[in-house]
Protein backbone atom coordinates (compact mmCIF):
# COMPACT_ATOMS: atom_id res chain seq x y z
CA MET A 1 134.13 139.80 28.22
CA SER A 2 132.71 137.49 25.53
CA TYR A 3 131.10 134.14 26.35
CA GLN A 4 130.48 130.95 24.39
CA ASN A 5 127.08 130.10 25.83
CA LEU A 6 125.82 133.39 27.25
CA LEU A 7 124.74 136.68 25.77
CA VAL A 8 125.22 139.66 28.09
CA GLU A 9 123.64 143.02 27.32
CA LYS A 10 123.80 146.10 29.52
CA LYS A 11 121.55 149.10 29.01
CA ASP A 12 120.05 151.74 31.28
CA ASN A 13 121.37 150.08 34.46
CA VAL A 14 119.88 146.69 33.50
CA ALA A 15 122.00 143.65 32.62
CA VAL A 16 120.29 140.93 30.59
CA VAL A 17 121.97 137.53 30.78
CA THR A 18 120.67 135.08 28.16
CA ILE A 19 121.52 131.38 28.21
CA ASN A 20 122.31 130.87 24.53
CA ARG A 21 122.21 127.17 23.62
CA PRO A 22 118.86 127.02 21.79
CA ASP A 23 119.79 123.82 19.92
CA LYS A 24 120.16 122.13 23.35
CA LEU A 25 117.13 123.90 24.85
CA ASN A 26 119.66 125.99 26.80
CA ALA A 27 120.75 123.01 28.91
CA LEU A 28 123.33 123.83 31.59
CA ASN A 29 126.61 122.13 30.74
CA SER A 30 129.78 122.69 32.75
CA GLU A 31 130.99 125.46 30.44
CA THR A 32 127.72 127.36 30.79
CA MET A 33 127.82 127.02 34.57
CA SER A 34 131.38 128.33 34.63
CA GLU A 35 130.33 131.30 32.51
CA LEU A 36 127.38 132.03 34.82
CA LYS A 37 129.82 132.13 37.73
CA LYS A 38 132.07 134.57 35.88
CA VAL A 39 129.32 136.92 34.76
CA PHE A 40 127.60 137.10 38.15
CA SER A 41 130.93 137.62 39.89
CA GLU A 42 131.44 140.61 37.58
CA LEU A 43 127.91 141.92 38.07
CA LYS A 44 128.37 141.80 41.83
CA THR A 45 130.92 144.60 41.62
CA ASP A 46 129.40 146.46 38.65
CA ASP A 47 128.15 149.75 40.10
CA GLU A 48 126.35 150.61 36.85
CA THR A 49 124.07 147.57 37.02
CA TYR A 50 121.06 147.93 39.31
CA VAL A 51 118.88 145.01 38.12
CA VAL A 52 119.77 141.73 36.40
CA ILE A 53 117.40 139.80 34.12
CA ILE A 54 118.18 136.20 33.22
CA THR A 55 116.38 134.39 30.42
CA GLY A 56 116.83 131.72 27.74
CA SER A 57 117.43 132.00 24.02
CA GLY A 58 114.61 131.08 21.64
CA GLU A 59 110.92 130.51 22.31
CA LYS A 60 110.95 126.95 23.67
CA ALA A 61 113.08 126.95 26.77
CA PHE A 62 114.35 129.06 29.63
CA VAL A 63 116.66 126.19 30.62
CA ALA A 64 115.46 122.64 30.00
CA GLY A 65 117.83 121.12 32.59
CA ALA A 66 121.39 119.98 32.99
CA ASP A 67 123.41 118.36 30.21
CA ILE A 68 122.50 114.66 30.56
CA SER A 69 125.63 113.54 28.73
CA GLU A 70 127.68 115.08 31.56
CA LEU A 71 125.41 113.74 34.30
CA ASN A 72 125.80 110.22 32.94
CA LYS A 73 129.52 110.25 33.79
CA LEU A 74 129.12 111.08 37.49
CA ASP A 75 129.88 108.75 40.39
CA VAL A 76 129.63 109.16 44.16
CA ILE A 77 132.73 111.37 44.43
CA SER A 78 132.32 113.48 41.31
CA GLY A 79 128.57 113.77 41.91
CA LYS A 80 129.08 115.56 45.22
CA ALA A 81 131.56 117.99 43.67
CA PHE A 82 129.16 118.54 40.75
CA ALA A 83 126.27 119.41 43.08
CA GLU A 84 128.34 121.61 45.36
CA ASN A 85 129.72 123.58 42.41
CA GLY A 86 126.21 124.21 41.11
CA GLN A 87 125.00 125.20 44.56
CA ASP A 88 127.87 127.68 44.91
CA ILE A 89 126.99 129.33 41.59
CA PHE A 90 123.27 129.56 42.35
CA ASN A 91 124.04 130.86 45.85
CA LEU A 92 126.07 133.61 44.18
CA ILE A 93 122.99 134.57 42.17
CA GLU A 94 120.65 134.38 45.17
CA ASN A 95 122.97 136.44 47.36
CA LEU A 96 123.64 139.15 44.79
CA ASP A 97 122.74 142.38 46.57
CA LYS A 98 120.83 143.65 43.56
CA PRO A 99 117.55 142.20 42.25
CA VAL A 100 117.74 139.27 39.82
CA ILE A 101 114.58 138.60 37.79
CA ALA A 102 114.07 135.31 35.95
CA ALA A 103 112.17 135.83 32.69
CA VAL A 104 111.03 132.23 32.20
CA ASN A 105 110.20 131.94 28.51
CA GLY A 106 109.58 128.19 28.18
CA PHE A 107 110.74 124.96 29.81
CA ALA A 108 112.34 125.44 33.23
CA LEU A 109 113.15 121.88 34.23
CA GLY A 110 115.68 120.36 36.60
CA GLY A 111 118.62 122.73 36.80
CA GLY A 112 116.55 125.30 34.90
CA CYS A 113 113.88 125.30 37.57
CA GLU A 114 116.62 125.53 40.20
CA LEU A 115 118.14 128.51 38.39
CA ALA A 116 114.77 130.27 38.40
CA LEU A 117 114.37 129.47 42.11
CA ALA A 118 117.74 131.11 42.83
CA CYS A 119 116.48 134.38 41.33
CA HIS A 120 114.69 136.90 43.54
CA ILE A 121 111.63 137.29 41.29
CA ARG A 122 110.19 134.94 38.66
CA VAL A 123 108.07 136.14 35.74
CA ALA A 124 106.83 133.54 33.25
CA SER A 125 105.39 133.39 29.77
CA GLU A 126 102.10 131.55 29.32
CA ASN A 127 103.89 128.62 27.63
CA ALA A 128 106.35 128.11 30.50
CA LYS A 129 106.59 124.70 32.16
CA PHE A 130 108.24 124.00 35.50
CA GLY A 131 109.45 120.77 37.04
CA GLN A 132 112.09 118.86 38.96
CA PRO A 133 112.12 115.57 37.01
CA GLU A 134 115.44 114.27 38.37
CA VAL A 135 113.81 111.14 39.86
CA ASN A 136 113.20 110.01 36.27
CA LEU A 137 117.00 109.78 35.98
CA GLY A 138 117.45 108.03 39.30
CA ILE A 139 118.77 111.09 41.14
CA ILE A 140 117.41 114.11 43.02
CA PRO A 141 117.77 117.87 42.45
CA GLY A 142 121.32 118.88 43.34
CA TYR A 143 121.57 122.64 42.77
CA GLY A 144 119.47 123.64 45.80
CA GLY A 145 116.08 122.69 44.38
CA THR A 146 114.94 120.55 47.31
CA GLN A 147 115.59 123.44 49.70
CA ARG A 148 114.39 126.45 47.73
CA LEU A 149 111.26 124.81 46.30
CA ALA A 150 110.18 123.63 49.77
CA ARG A 151 110.64 127.12 51.20
CA LEU A 152 108.83 128.82 48.34
CA ILE A 153 105.72 126.67 47.85
CA ASN A 154 105.72 124.58 51.11
CA SER A 155 107.26 121.19 51.72
CA GLY A 156 104.16 119.15 50.88
CA ARG A 157 103.83 120.52 47.35
CA ALA A 158 107.59 120.42 46.84
CA MET A 159 107.63 116.78 47.92
CA GLU A 160 104.87 115.93 45.43
CA TYR A 161 106.57 117.57 42.44
CA ILE A 162 110.02 116.22 43.29
CA LEU A 163 108.81 112.65 43.96
CA THR A 164 106.55 112.42 40.91
CA GLY A 165 108.74 114.42 38.53
CA ASP A 166 105.54 116.04 37.20
CA MET A 167 105.63 119.27 35.25
CA ILE A 168 103.28 122.15 35.96
CA ASP A 169 102.22 124.93 33.62
CA ALA A 170 102.55 128.68 34.16
CA ALA A 171 98.98 129.09 35.44
CA GLU A 172 99.53 126.49 38.17
CA ALA A 173 102.95 127.97 38.98
CA LEU A 174 101.26 131.33 39.52
CA ARG A 175 98.50 129.81 41.65
CA ILE A 176 100.93 128.16 44.06
CA GLY A 177 103.30 131.12 44.26
CA LEU A 178 106.17 129.68 42.26
CA VAL A 179 106.08 132.68 39.91
CA ASN A 180 105.08 136.30 40.51
CA LYS A 181 103.47 137.12 37.15
CA VAL A 182 102.47 135.40 33.90
CA TYR A 183 102.24 137.12 30.51
CA PRO A 184 101.89 136.13 26.85
CA GLN A 185 105.32 135.28 25.51
CA SER A 186 105.26 138.26 23.14
CA GLU A 187 104.90 140.60 26.15
CA LEU A 188 107.23 138.85 28.59
CA MET A 189 110.43 140.84 28.18
CA ASN A 190 108.63 144.19 27.94
CA LYS A 191 106.82 143.44 31.19
CA VAL A 192 110.01 142.33 32.90
CA PHE A 193 111.74 145.52 31.77
CA GLU A 194 108.81 147.54 33.15
CA MET A 195 109.36 145.88 36.51
CA ALA A 196 113.11 146.51 36.31
CA ARG A 197 112.58 150.19 35.51
CA LYS A 198 110.21 150.55 38.46
CA ILE A 199 112.84 149.06 40.78
CA ILE A 200 115.53 151.30 39.28
CA SER A 201 113.39 154.38 40.01
CA LYS A 202 113.73 153.69 43.74
CA GLY A 203 116.71 154.46 45.94
CA GLN A 204 119.22 151.72 45.18
CA GLN A 205 120.70 151.74 48.65
CA ALA A 206 117.27 150.79 49.99
CA VAL A 207 116.74 148.19 47.26
CA ARG A 208 119.99 146.42 48.09
CA LEU A 209 119.31 146.49 51.82
CA ALA A 210 115.83 145.06 51.19
CA VAL A 211 117.25 142.20 49.09
CA LYS A 212 119.62 141.30 51.93
CA ALA A 213 116.86 141.46 54.54
CA VAL A 214 114.38 139.31 52.63
CA ASN A 215 117.06 136.79 51.64
CA ILE A 216 117.85 135.97 55.24
CA ALA A 217 114.20 135.39 56.22
CA ASP A 218 114.31 131.66 55.46
CA GLU A 219 117.75 131.17 56.93
CA VAL A 220 117.38 132.25 60.55
CA PRO A 221 114.74 132.34 63.32
CA SER A 222 112.34 135.29 63.21
CA LYS A 223 113.91 137.09 66.17
CA GLU A 224 117.36 136.96 64.62
CA GLY A 225 115.94 138.05 61.27
CA GLN A 226 114.26 141.04 62.89
CA HIS A 227 117.54 142.01 64.58
CA TYR A 228 119.24 141.89 61.16
CA GLU A 229 116.39 143.92 59.66
CA ALA A 230 116.81 146.60 62.33
CA SER A 231 120.53 146.79 61.62
CA LEU A 232 119.91 147.22 57.89
CA PHE A 233 117.15 149.74 58.60
CA SER A 234 119.59 151.81 60.63
CA ILE A 235 122.10 151.74 57.77
CA GLY A 236 119.37 153.06 55.47
CA CYS A 237 118.68 155.93 57.87
CA GLY A 238 122.25 157.12 57.34
CA THR A 239 122.00 157.45 53.56
CA GLU A 240 121.47 160.56 51.46
CA ASP A 241 118.63 158.75 49.70
CA PHE A 242 116.74 158.45 52.99
CA LYS A 243 117.03 162.19 53.60
CA GLU A 244 115.93 162.93 50.03
CA GLY A 245 113.07 160.42 50.08
CA THR A 246 111.54 161.72 53.31
CA LYS A 247 112.06 165.34 52.30
CA ALA A 248 110.43 164.74 48.91
CA PHE A 249 107.45 163.07 50.59
CA LEU A 250 106.94 166.03 52.93
CA GLU A 251 107.30 168.46 50.03
CA LYS A 252 104.85 166.41 47.90
CA ARG A 253 107.27 165.87 45.01
CA LYS A 254 109.08 162.97 43.37
CA PRO A 255 112.40 162.14 45.02
CA GLY A 256 115.64 162.63 43.14
CA PHE A 257 117.61 159.68 44.44
CA LYS A 258 121.39 159.69 43.95
CA ASN A 259 121.88 156.14 45.23
CA LYS A 260 124.11 157.34 48.03
């Protein structure tokens, strides 16, 4: 399927989704959000895709925020629907049972920061900037940012950044755990692909079970999370990959996973 505001490339079990509105700093308008929903709905059932990378077009921005011209038209009723639609789309990304890596190649502000937060892993270029500046517009983050940011970097830091609207650079984002890695922009995509290939080399049944287990950690009490972990662990024990992985370890060789 072709898209107006996205570029989608699939190669070697990796899908790269690029927000392609460089003249608008890849801002998320309603059409782009609708296309993100479509592409991630397709990727959810694509058995040939093991890892998804999402990034922005150009060298300035990952996603610089939502489309302000659309925000300006919202009222109490339409605003709630707007936020809930965005939350549904980002929940789809977060709950994809295959790893989604954000390659943050510039500004990740507002909805862009929230999109990165919805991904499982965040890797940034040195010129990346992060922020939730919605208070400058008289609103708050609406695509899950208040919840995910607080869980990821703690509520005190999240409160500071959301209330001040301040931006932070990639080095600070790394220090506080907002991103996993930082690289020069010229190396970013190569490094992200290296990570993707490492993940692909593992048994994909285990990878998907691990994504599900980690995703639920912030949603339920520890005891319930451990019960869910044990259930997923038991499912893993019934796979061919588990038999191959343990056998390969005992035979001191590399496993030949079949993702079954």
